[in-house]
Amino acid sequence: MGAEDPNSLVAVEFEVFGRVQGCFFTKYCKDLAESLGICGWVKNTKRGTISGKLQGCKAHLDIMLNWLSTEGSPESKIEKCELTNWQYLTRLDYNNFSIRF
């Protein structure tokens, strides 16, 4: 499996900036992640952002990352989404997707 294989297992951490708290962003994020078979977690930060970690096949992460960067929940207004700590995995570290508090 090469680096661009859409079935490669990858992980990435994210932080979404903008008006993203108080608009069910984490719930919509969890629903989409579960529908795509993505594992990991999401939470509100004290800085007013949303952060989390995603793990899954690259093709599904690409869909999720596009949503985090451009769409978000219906009432949200995304300014930017920063992605850090990309890595390729041999297996998933999580077995579901959760909202952390």
PDB file of N, CA and C in Angstrom:
ATOM      1  N   MET A   1       0.836  -1.190   0.000  1.00  0.00           N
ATOM      2  CA  MET A   1       0.000   0.000   0.000  1.00  0.00           C
ATOM      3  C   MET A   1       0.873   1.243   0.000  1.00  0.00           C
ATOM      4  N   GLY A   2       0.658   2.078  -0.986  1.00  0.00           N
ATOM      5  CA  GLY A   2       1.431   3.307  -1.084  1.00  0.00           C
ATOM      6  C   GLY A   2       0.803   4.429  -0.285  1.00  0.00           C
ATOM      7  N   ALA A   3       1.511   5.541  -0.221  1.00  0.00           N
ATOM      8  CA  ALA A   3       1.063   6.680   0.565  1.00  0.00           C
ATOM      9  C   ALA A   3      -0.261   7.247   0.046  1.00  0.00           C
ATOM     10  N   GLU A   4      -0.541   7.084  -1.231  1.00  0.00           N
ATOM     11  CA  GLU A   4      -1.765   7.646  -1.785  1.00  0.00           C
ATOM     12  C   GLU A   4      -2.879   6.607  -1.925  1.00  0.00           C
ATOM     13  N   ASP A   5      -2.691   5.431  -1.382  1.00  0.00           N
ATOM     14  CA  ASP A   5      -3.717   4.399  -1.433  1.00  0.00           C
ATOM     15  C   ASP A   5      -4.928   4.862  -0.605  1.00  0.00           C
ATOM     16  N   PRO A   6      -6.113   4.970  -1.211  1.00  0.00           N
ATOM     17  CA  PRO A   6      -7.281   5.447  -0.458  1.00  0.00           C
ATOM     18  C   PRO A   6      -7.703   4.512   0.669  1.00  0.00           C
ATOM     19  N   ASN A   7      -7.208   3.263   0.647  1.00  0.00           N
ATOM     20  CA  ASN A   7      -7.529   2.313   1.706  1.00  0.00           C
ATOM     21  C   ASN A   7      -6.489   2.289   2.822  1.00  0.00           C
ATOM     22  N   SER A   8      -5.442   3.111   2.709  1.00  0.00           N
ATOM     23  CA  SER A   8      -4.447   3.197   3.775  1.00  0.00           C
ATOM     24  C   SER A   8      -5.112   3.662   5.061  1.00  0.00           C
ATOM     25  N   LEU A   9      -4.702   3.083   6.182  1.00  0.00           N
ATOM     26  CA  LEU A   9      -5.188   3.552   7.478  1.00  0.00           C
ATOM     27  C   LEU A   9      -4.339   4.741   7.907  1.00  0.00           C
ATOM     28  N   VAL A  10      -5.002   5.843   8.191  1.00  0.00           N
ATOM     29  CA  VAL A  10      -4.286   7.050   8.597  1.00  0.00           C
ATOM     30  C   VAL A  10      -4.933   7.639   9.840  1.00  0.00           C
ATOM     31  N   ALA A  11      -4.166   8.479  10.521  1.00  0.00           N
ATOM     32  CA  ALA A  11      -4.660   9.212  11.684  1.00  0.00           C
ATOM     33  C   ALA A  11      -4.242  10.667  11.533  1.00  0.00           C
ATOM     34  N   VAL A  12      -5.071  11.563  12.031  1.00  0.00           N
ATOM     35  CA  VAL A  12      -4.737  12.986  12.024  1.00  0.00           C
ATOM     36  C   VAL A  12      -5.460  13.657  13.187  1.00  0.00           C
ATOM     37  N   GLU A  13      -4.795  14.664  13.750  1.00  0.00           N
ATOM     38  CA  GLU A  13      -5.432  15.481  14.777  1.00  0.00           C
ATOM     39  C   GLU A  13      -5.916  16.758  14.114  1.00  0.00           C
ATOM     40  N   PHE A  14      -7.022  17.319  14.640  1.00  0.00           N
ATOM     41  CA  PHE A  14      -7.579  18.525  14.029  1.00  0.00           C
ATOM     42  C   PHE A  14      -8.024  19.515  15.093  1.00  0.00           C
ATOM     43  N   GLU A  15      -8.065  20.791  14.678  1.00  0.00           N
ATOM     44  CA  GLU A  15      -8.647  21.836  15.507  1.00  0.00           C
ATOM     45  C   GLU A  15      -9.395  22.775  14.574  1.00  0.00           C
ATOM     46  N   VAL A  16     -10.676  22.999  14.879  1.00  0.00           N
ATOM     47  CA  VAL A  16     -11.533  23.830  14.049  1.00  0.00           C
ATOM     48  C   VAL A  16     -11.772  25.156  14.765  1.00  0.00           C
ATOM     49  N   PHE A  17     -11.535  26.253  14.040  1.00  0.00           N
ATOM     50  CA  PHE A  17     -11.681  27.603  14.588  1.00  0.00           C
ATOM     51  C   PHE A  17     -12.891  28.288  13.953  1.00  0.00           C
ATOM     52  N   GLY A  18     -13.511  29.192  14.698  1.00  0.00           N
ATOM     53  CA  GLY A  18     -14.661  29.938  14.210  1.00  0.00           C
ATOM     54  C   GLY A  18     -15.782  29.872  15.232  1.00  0.00           C
ATOM     55  N   ARG A  19     -17.019  30.061  14.761  1.00  0.00           N
ATOM     56  CA  ARG A  19     -18.175  29.900  15.659  1.00  0.00           C
ATOM     57  C   ARG A  19     -18.575  28.433  15.586  1.00  0.00           C
ATOM     58  N   VAL A  20     -17.982  27.630  16.470  1.00  0.00           N
ATOM     59  CA  VAL A  20     -18.159  26.178  16.382  1.00  0.00           C
ATOM     60  C   VAL A  20     -18.665  25.555  17.685  1.00  0.00           C
ATOM     61  N   GLN A  21     -18.790  26.355  18.737  1.00  0.00           N
ATOM     62  CA  GLN A  21     -19.342  25.827  19.982  1.00  0.00           C
ATOM     63  C   GLN A  21     -20.765  26.337  20.155  1.00  0.00           C
ATOM     64  N   GLY A  22     -21.602  25.546  20.826  1.00  0.00           N
ATOM     65  CA  GLY A  22     -22.988  25.925  21.049  1.00  0.00           C
ATOM     66  C   GLY A  22     -23.867  25.719  19.834  1.00  0.00           C
ATOM     67  N   CYS A  23     -23.408  24.936  18.874  1.00  0.00           N
ATOM     68  CA  CYS A  23     -24.183  24.698  17.640  1.00  0.00           C
ATOM     69  C   CYS A  23     -24.188  23.207  17.273  1.00  0.00           C
ATOM     70  N   PHE A  24     -24.054  22.369  18.290  1.00  0.00           N
ATOM     71  CA  PHE A  24     -24.110  20.903  18.106  1.00  0.00           C
ATOM     72  C   PHE A  24     -23.021  20.374  17.166  1.00  0.00           C
ATOM     73  N   PHE A  25     -21.907  21.099  17.069  1.00  0.00           N
ATOM     74  CA  PHE A  25     -20.827  20.703  16.163  1.00  0.00           C
ATOM     75  C   PHE A  25     -20.307  19.305  16.518  1.00  0.00           C
ATOM     76  N   THR A  26     -20.094  19.048  17.812  1.00  0.00           N
ATOM     77  CA  THR A  26     -19.527  17.746  18.191  1.00  0.00           C
ATOM     78  C   THR A  26     -20.492  16.610  17.874  1.00  0.00           C
ATOM     79  N   LYS A  27     -21.803  16.841  18.049  1.00  0.00           N
ATOM     80  CA  LYS A  27     -22.796  15.811  17.748  1.00  0.00           C
ATOM     81  C   LYS A  27     -22.800  15.500  16.251  1.00  0.00           C
ATOM     82  N   TYR A  28     -22.831  16.533  15.418  1.00  0.00           N
ATOM     83  CA  TYR A  28     -22.809  16.320  13.965  1.00  0.00           C
ATOM     84  C   TYR A  28     -21.508  15.638  13.547  1.00  0.00           C
ATOM     85  N   CYS A  29     -20.403  16.037  14.176  1.00  0.00           N
ATOM     86  CA  CYS A  29     -19.103  15.435  13.879  1.00  0.00           C
ATOM     87  C   CYS A  29     -19.138  13.939  14.195  1.00  0.00           C
ATOM     88  N   LYS A  30     -19.660  13.586  15.360  1.00  0.00           N
ATOM     89  CA  LYS A  30     -19.743  12.171  15.761  1.00  0.00           C
ATOM     90  C   LYS A  30     -20.633  11.390  14.801  1.00  0.00           C
ATOM     91  N   ASP A  31     -21.789  11.960  14.442  1.00  0.00           N
ATOM     92  CA  ASP A  31     -22.706  11.275  13.528  1.00  0.00           C
ATOM     93  C   ASP A  31     -22.045  10.995  12.183  1.00  0.00           C
ATOM     94  N   LEU A  32     -21.345  11.995  11.635  1.00  0.00           N
ATOM     95  CA  LEU A  32     -20.688  11.806  10.337  1.00  0.00           C
ATOM     96  C   LEU A  32     -19.555  10.790  10.454  1.00  0.00           C
ATOM     97  N   ALA A  33     -18.748  10.905  11.503  1.00  0.00           N
ATOM     98  CA  ALA A  33     -17.633   9.966  11.692  1.00  0.00           C
ATOM     99  C   ALA A  33     -18.154   8.529  11.756  1.00  0.00           C
ATOM    100  N   GLU A  34     -19.225   8.319  12.516  1.00  0.00           N
ATOM    101  CA  GLU A  34     -19.769   6.970  12.640  1.00  0.00           C
ATOM    102  C   GLU A  34     -20.324   6.472  11.311  1.00  0.00           C
ATOM    103  N   SER A  35     -20.949   7.352  10.540  1.00  0.00           N
ATOM    104  CA  SER A  35     -21.497   6.931   9.242  1.00  0.00           C
ATOM    105  C   SER A  35     -20.384   6.562   8.263  1.00  0.00           C
ATOM    106  N   LEU A  36     -19.194   7.151   8.446  1.00  0.00           N
ATOM    107  CA  LEU A  36     -18.051   6.871   7.574  1.00  0.00           C
ATOM    108  C   LEU A  36     -17.164   5.748   8.118  1.00  0.00           C
ATOM    109  N   GLY A  37     -17.461   5.258   9.315  1.00  0.00           N
ATOM    110  CA  GLY A  37     -16.630   4.220   9.921  1.00  0.00           C
ATOM    111  C   GLY A  37     -15.313   4.742  10.460  1.00  0.00           C
ATOM    112  N   ILE A  38     -15.290   6.013  10.851  1.00  0.00           N
ATOM    113  CA  ILE A  38     -14.082   6.643  11.397  1.00  0.00           C
ATOM    114  C   ILE A  38     -14.089   6.514  12.910  1.00  0.00           C
ATOM    115  N   CYS A  39     -12.920   6.205  13.484  1.00  0.00           N
ATOM    116  CA  CYS A  39     -12.751   6.102  14.924  1.00  0.00           C
ATOM    117  C   CYS A  39     -12.028   7.337  15.442  1.00  0.00           C
ATOM    118  N   GLY A  40     -12.117   7.543  16.761  1.00  0.00           N
ATOM    119  CA  GLY A  40     -11.410   8.665  17.377  1.00  0.00           C
ATOM    120  C   GLY A  40     -12.280   9.401  18.358  1.00  0.00           C
ATOM    121  N   TRP A  41     -12.093  10.725  18.442  1.00  0.00           N
ATOM    122  CA  TRP A  41     -12.839  11.519  19.418  1.00  0.00           C
ATOM    123  C   TRP A  41     -12.875  12.985  18.990  1.00  0.00           C
ATOM    124  N   VAL A  42     -13.782  13.727  19.620  1.00  0.00           N
ATOM    125  CA  VAL A  42     -13.933  15.165  19.390  1.00  0.00           C
ATOM    126  C   VAL A  42     -14.321  15.814  20.713  1.00  0.00           C
ATOM    127  N   LYS A  43     -13.926  17.074  20.913  1.00  0.00           N
ATOM    128  CA  LYS A  43     -14.307  17.784  22.141  1.00  0.00           C
ATOM    129  C   LYS A  43     -14.267  19.293  21.924  1.00  0.00           C
ATOM    130  N   ASN A  44     -14.999  20.010  22.790  1.00  0.00           N
ATOM    131  CA  ASN A  44     -14.894  21.467  22.870  1.00  0.00           C
ATOM    132  C   ASN A  44     -13.643  21.792  23.672  1.00  0.00           C
ATOM    133  N   THR A  45     -12.922  22.827  23.274  1.00  0.00           N
ATOM    134  CA  THR A  45     -11.750  23.254  24.042  1.00  0.00           C
ATOM    135  C   THR A  45     -12.106  24.510  24.843  1.00  0.00           C
ATOM    136  N   LYS A  46     -11.267  24.817  25.808  1.00  0.00           N
ATOM    137  CA  LYS A  46     -11.455  26.029  26.610  1.00  0.00           C
ATOM    138  C   LYS A  46     -11.210  27.286  25.771  1.00  0.00           C
ATOM    139  N   ARG A  47     -10.545  27.147  24.622  1.00  0.00           N
ATOM    140  CA  ARG A  47     -10.242  28.284  23.746  1.00  0.00           C
ATOM    141  C   ARG A  47     -11.392  28.613  22.793  1.00  0.00           C
ATOM    142  N   GLY A  48     -12.482  27.853  22.879  1.00  0.00           N
ATOM    143  CA  GLY A  48     -13.612  28.120  21.992  1.00  0.00           C
ATOM    144  C   GLY A  48     -13.511  27.419  20.653  1.00  0.00           C
ATOM    145  N   THR A  49     -12.601  26.467  20.547  1.00  0.00           N
ATOM    146  CA  THR A  49     -12.448  25.703  19.307  1.00  0.00           C
ATOM    147  C   THR A  49     -12.970  24.286  19.526  1.00  0.00           C
ATOM    148  N   ILE A  50     -12.934  23.504  18.467  1.00  0.00           N
ATOM    149  CA  ILE A  50     -13.260  22.081  18.530  1.00  0.00           C
ATOM    150  C   ILE A  50     -11.988  21.328  18.151  1.00  0.00           C
ATOM    151  N   SER A  51     -11.594  20.346  18.944  1.00  0.00           N
ATOM    152  CA  SER A  51     -10.413  19.563  18.579  1.00  0.00           C
ATOM    153  C   SER A  51     -10.743  18.081  18.663  1.00  0.00           C
ATOM    154  N   GLY A  52      -9.875  17.292  18.034  1.00  0.00           N
ATOM    155  CA  GLY A  52     -10.099  15.859  18.077  1.00  0.00           C
ATOM    156  C   GLY A  52      -9.049  15.094  17.307  1.00  0.00           C
ATOM    157  N   LYS A  53      -9.280  13.793  17.229  1.00  0.00           N
ATOM    158  CA  LYS A  53      -8.375  12.897  16.506  1.00  0.00           C
ATOM    159  C   LYS A  53      -9.229  11.933  15.691  1.00  0.00           C
ATOM    160  N   LEU A  54      -8.844  11.756  14.445  1.00  0.00           N
ATOM    161  CA  LEU A  54      -9.549  10.861  13.528  1.00  0.00           C
ATOM    162  C   LEU A  54      -8.638   9.725  13.124  1.00  0.00           C
ATOM    163  N   GLN A  55      -9.210   8.522  12.998  1.00  0.00           N
ATOM    164  CA  GLN A  55      -8.483   7.369  12.474  1.00  0.00           C
ATOM    165  C   GLN A  55      -9.411   6.595  11.555  1.00  0.00           C
ATOM    166  N   GLY A  56      -8.880   6.196  10.415  1.00  0.00           N
ATOM    167  CA  GLY A  56      -9.668   5.403   9.485  1.00  0.00           C
ATOM    168  C   GLY A  56      -8.990   5.350   8.134  1.00  0.00           C
ATOM    169  N   CYS A  57      -9.720   4.842   7.134  1.00  0.00           N
ATOM    170  CA  CYS A  57      -9.117   4.778   5.805  1.00  0.00           C
ATOM    171  C   CYS A  57      -9.067   6.182   5.211  1.00  0.00           C
ATOM    172  N   LYS A  58      -8.029   6.450   4.442  1.00  0.00           N
ATOM    173  CA  LYS A  58      -7.766   7.795   3.942  1.00  0.00           C
ATOM    174  C   LYS A  58      -8.940   8.362   3.153  1.00  0.00           C
ATOM    175  N   ALA A  59      -9.600   7.541   2.348  1.00  0.00           N
ATOM    176  CA  ALA A  59     -10.722   8.033   1.541  1.00  0.00           C
ATOM    177  C   ALA A  59     -11.832   8.594   2.429  1.00  0.00           C
ATOM    178  N   HIS A  60     -12.117   7.919   3.545  1.00  0.00           N
ATOM    179  CA  HIS A  60     -13.161   8.392   4.457  1.00  0.00           C
ATOM    180  C   HIS A  60     -12.702   9.609   5.248  1.00  0.00           C
ATOM    181  N   LEU A  61     -11.411   9.639   5.635  1.00  0.00           N
ATOM    182  CA  LEU A  61     -10.893  10.805   6.335  1.00  0.00           C
ATOM    183  C   LEU A  61     -10.949  12.036   5.442  1.00  0.00           C
ATOM    184  N   ASP A  62     -10.700  11.873   4.145  1.00  0.00           N
ATOM    185  CA  ASP A  62     -10.769  13.015   3.227  1.00  0.00           C
ATOM    186  C   ASP A  62     -12.166  13.640   3.234  1.00  0.00           C
ATOM    187  N   ILE A  63     -13.206  12.808   3.263  1.00  0.00           N
ATOM    188  CA  ILE A  63     -14.589  13.310   3.316  1.00  0.00           C
ATOM    189  C   ILE A  63     -14.817  14.058   4.635  1.00  0.00           C
ATOM    190  N   MET A  64     -14.373  13.458   5.723  1.00  0.00           N
ATOM    191  CA  MET A  64     -14.552  14.052   7.054  1.00  0.00           C
ATOM    192  C   MET A  64     -13.797  15.373   7.169  1.00  0.00           C
ATOM    193  N   LEU A  65     -12.577  15.411   6.656  1.00  0.00           N
ATOM    194  CA  LEU A  65     -11.767  16.623   6.762  1.00  0.00           C
ATOM    195  C   LEU A  65     -12.348  17.755   5.911  1.00  0.00           C
ATOM    196  N   ASN A  66     -12.934  17.422   4.781  1.00  0.00           N
ATOM    197  CA  ASN A  66     -13.600  18.435   3.974  1.00  0.00           C
ATOM    198  C   ASN A  66     -14.773  19.029   4.755  1.00  0.00           C
ATOM    199  N   TRP A  67     -15.543  18.170   5.437  1.00  0.00           N
ATOM    200  CA  TRP A  67     -16.672  18.634   6.249  1.00  0.00           C
ATOM    201  C   TRP A  67     -16.175  19.535   7.385  1.00  0.00           C
ATOM    202  N   LEU A  68     -15.090  19.129   8.055  1.00  0.00           N
ATOM    203  CA  LEU A  68     -14.543  19.915   9.165  1.00  0.00           C
ATOM    204  C   LEU A  68     -13.996  21.260   8.698  1.00  0.00           C
ATOM    205  N   SER A  69     -13.522  21.323   7.455  1.00  0.00           N
ATOM    206  CA  SER A  69     -12.882  22.541   6.943  1.00  0.00           C
ATOM    207  C   SER A  69     -13.866  23.507   6.300  1.00  0.00           C
ATOM    208  N   THR A  70     -14.969  22.983   5.746  1.00  0.00           N
ATOM    209  CA  THR A  70     -15.825  23.841   4.932  1.00  0.00           C
ATOM    210  C   THR A  70     -17.294  23.850   5.322  1.00  0.00           C
ATOM    211  N   GLU A  71     -17.794  22.791   5.932  1.00  0.00           N
ATOM    212  CA  GLU A  71     -19.234  22.669   6.137  1.00  0.00           C
ATOM    213  C   GLU A  71     -19.625  22.792   7.601  1.00  0.00           C
ATOM    214  N   GLY A  72     -19.263  21.824   8.408  1.00  0.00           N
ATOM    215  CA  GLY A  72     -19.602  21.852   9.816  1.00  0.00           C
ATOM    216  C   GLY A  72     -21.089  21.679  10.058  1.00  0.00           C
ATOM    217  N   SER A  73     -21.503  21.911  11.299  1.00  0.00           N
ATOM    218  CA  SER A  73     -22.918  21.783  11.647  1.00  0.00           C
ATOM    219  C   SER A  73     -23.688  22.980  11.077  1.00  0.00           C
ATOM    220  N   PRO A  74     -25.016  22.864  10.963  1.00  0.00           N
ATOM    221  CA  PRO A  74     -25.804  23.903  10.284  1.00  0.00           C
ATOM    222  C   PRO A  74     -25.609  25.332  10.805  1.00  0.00           C
ATOM    223  N   GLU A  75     -25.441  25.526  12.109  1.00  0.00           N
ATOM    224  CA  GLU A  75     -25.323  26.883  12.650  1.00  0.00           C
ATOM    225  C   GLU A  75     -23.867  27.351  12.805  1.00  0.00           C
ATOM    226  N   SER A  76     -22.909  26.493  12.479  1.00  0.00           N
ATOM    227  CA  SER A  76     -21.501  26.854  12.679  1.00  0.00           C
ATOM    228  C   SER A  76     -21.008  27.782  11.576  1.00  0.00           C
ATOM    229  N   LYS A  77     -19.906  28.476  11.880  1.00  0.00           N
ATOM    230  CA  LYS A  77     -19.226  29.304  10.884  1.00  0.00           C
ATOM    231  C   LYS A  77     -17.732  29.027  11.030  1.00  0.00           C
ATOM    232  N   ILE A  78     -17.197  28.232  10.127  1.00  0.00           N
ATOM    233  CA  ILE A  78     -15.807  27.783  10.220  1.00  0.00           C
ATOM    234  C   ILE A  78     -14.875  28.826   9.621  1.00  0.00           C
ATOM    235  N   GLU A  79     -13.860  29.208  10.391  1.00  0.00           N
ATOM    236  CA  GLU A  79     -12.822  30.112   9.889  1.00  0.00           C
ATOM    237  C   GLU A  79     -11.678  29.312   9.281  1.00  0.00           C
ATOM    238  N   LYS A  80     -11.233  28.285  10.005  1.00  0.00           N
ATOM    239  CA  LYS A  80     -10.157  27.430   9.495  1.00  0.00           C
ATOM    240  C   LYS A  80     -10.136  26.132  10.263  1.00  0.00           C
ATOM    241  N   CYS A  81      -9.491  25.127   9.665  1.00  0.00           N
ATOM    242  CA  CYS A  81      -9.289  23.833  10.308  1.00  0.00           C
ATOM    243  C   CYS A  81      -7.812  23.478  10.167  1.00  0.00           C
ATOM    244  N   GLU A  82      -7.136  23.364  11.297  1.00  0.00           N
ATOM    245  CA  GLU A  82      -5.712  23.005  11.291  1.00  0.00           C
ATOM    246  C   GLU A  82      -5.566  21.510  11.498  1.00  0.00           C
ATOM    247  N   LEU A  83      -4.725  20.890  10.675  1.00  0.00           N
ATOM    248  CA  LEU A  83      -4.465  19.450  10.746  1.00  0.00           C
ATOM    249  C   LEU A  83      -3.021  19.228  11.157  1.00  0.00           C
ATOM    250  N   THR A  84      -2.819  18.353  12.143  1.00  0.00           N
ATOM    251  CA  THR A  84      -1.467  18.083  12.637  1.00  0.00           C
ATOM    252  C   THR A  84      -1.283  16.596  12.892  1.00  0.00           C
ATOM    253  N   ASN A  85      -0.034  16.198  12.988  1.00  0.00           N
ATOM    254  CA  ASN A  85       0.342  14.832  13.391  1.00  0.00           C
ATOM    255  C   ASN A  85      -0.253  13.746  12.498  1.00  0.00           C
ATOM    256  N   TRP A  86      -0.152  13.937  11.173  1.00  0.00           N
ATOM    257  CA  TRP A  86      -0.564  12.879  10.240  1.00  0.00           C
ATOM    258  C   TRP A  86       0.312  11.659  10.466  1.00  0.00           C
ATOM    259  N   GLN A  87      -0.269  10.479  10.473  1.00  0.00           N
ATOM    260  CA  GLN A  87       0.542   9.266  10.527  1.00  0.00           C
ATOM    261  C   GLN A  87      -0.210   8.105   9.880  1.00  0.00           C
ATOM    262  N   TYR A  88       0.573   7.190   9.345  1.00  0.00           N
ATOM    263  CA  TYR A  88       0.000   5.962   8.791  1.00  0.00           C
ATOM    264  C   TYR A  88      -0.030   4.916   9.889  1.00  0.00           C
ATOM    265  N   LEU A  89      -1.097   4.120   9.900  1.00  0.00           N
ATOM    266  CA  LEU A  89      -1.300   3.126  10.947  1.00  0.00           C
ATOM    267  C   LEU A  89      -1.311   1.723  10.359  1.00  0.00           C
ATOM    268  N   THR A  90      -0.891   0.762  11.160  1.00  0.00           N
ATOM    269  CA  THR A  90      -1.065  -0.634  10.773  1.00  0.00           C
ATOM    270  C   THR A  90      -2.382  -1.166  11.325  1.00  0.00           C
ATOM    271  N   ARG A  91      -2.868  -0.537  12.421  1.00  0.00           N
ATOM    272  CA  ARG A  91      -4.183  -0.882  12.970  1.00  0.00           C
ATOM    273  C   ARG A  91      -4.715   0.334  13.716  1.00  0.00           C
ATOM    274  N   LEU A  92      -6.023   0.355  13.929  1.00  0.00           N
ATOM    275  CA  LEU A  92      -6.662   1.472  14.623  1.00  0.00           C
ATOM    276  C   LEU A  92      -6.419   1.391  16.124  1.00  0.00           C
ATOM    277  N   ASP A  93      -6.223   2.543  16.760  1.00  0.00           N
ATOM    278  CA  ASP A  93      -6.051   2.590  18.217  1.00  0.00           C
ATOM    279  C   ASP A  93      -7.392   2.675  18.941  1.00  0.00           C
ATOM    280  N   TYR A  94      -8.435   3.107  18.233  1.00  0.00           N
ATOM    281  CA  TYR A  94      -9.769   3.270  18.830  1.00  0.00           C
ATOM    282  C   TYR A  94     -10.721   2.298  18.154  1.00  0.00           C
ATOM    283  N   ASN A  95     -11.807   1.935  18.860  1.00  0.00           N
ATOM    284  CA  ASN A  95     -12.780   1.048  18.237  1.00  0.00           C
ATOM    285  C   ASN A  95     -14.134   1.736  18.025  1.00  0.00           C
ATOM    286  N   ASN A  96     -14.206   3.044  18.341  1.00  0.00           N
ATOM    287  CA  ASN A  96     -15.424   3.805  18.092  1.00  0.00           C
ATOM    288  C   ASN A  96     -15.079   5.295  18.022  1.00  0.00           C
ATOM    289  N   PHE A  97     -16.109   6.124  17.924  1.00  0.00           N
ATOM    290  CA  PHE A  97     -15.917   7.574  17.918  1.00  0.00           C
ATOM    291  C   PHE A  97     -16.692   8.156  19.074  1.00  0.00           C
ATOM    292  N   SER A  98     -16.037   8.968  19.891  1.00  0.00           N
ATOM    293  CA  SER A  98     -16.683   9.484  21.091  1.00  0.00           C
ATOM    294  C   SER A  98     -16.572  10.992  21.199  1.00  0.00           C
ATOM    295  N   ILE A  99     -17.480  11.576  21.973  1.00  0.00           N
ATOM    296  CA  ILE A  99     -17.399  12.986  22.339  1.00  0.00           C
ATOM    297  C   ILE A  99     -16.780  13.025  23.718  1.00  0.00           C
ATOM    298  N   ARG A 100     -15.682  13.762  23.866  1.00  0.00           N
ATOM    299  CA  ARG A 100     -15.011  13.877  25.160  1.00  0.00           C
ATOM    300  C   ARG A 100     -15.434  15.172  25.837  1.00  0.00           C
ATOM    301  N   PHE A 101     -15.420  15.151  27.167  1.00  0.00           N
ATOM    302  CA  PHE A 101     -15.810  16.339  27.937  1.00  0.00           C
ATOM    303  C   PHE A 101     -14.700  16.768  28.878  1.00  0.00           C
TER     304      PHE A 101
END
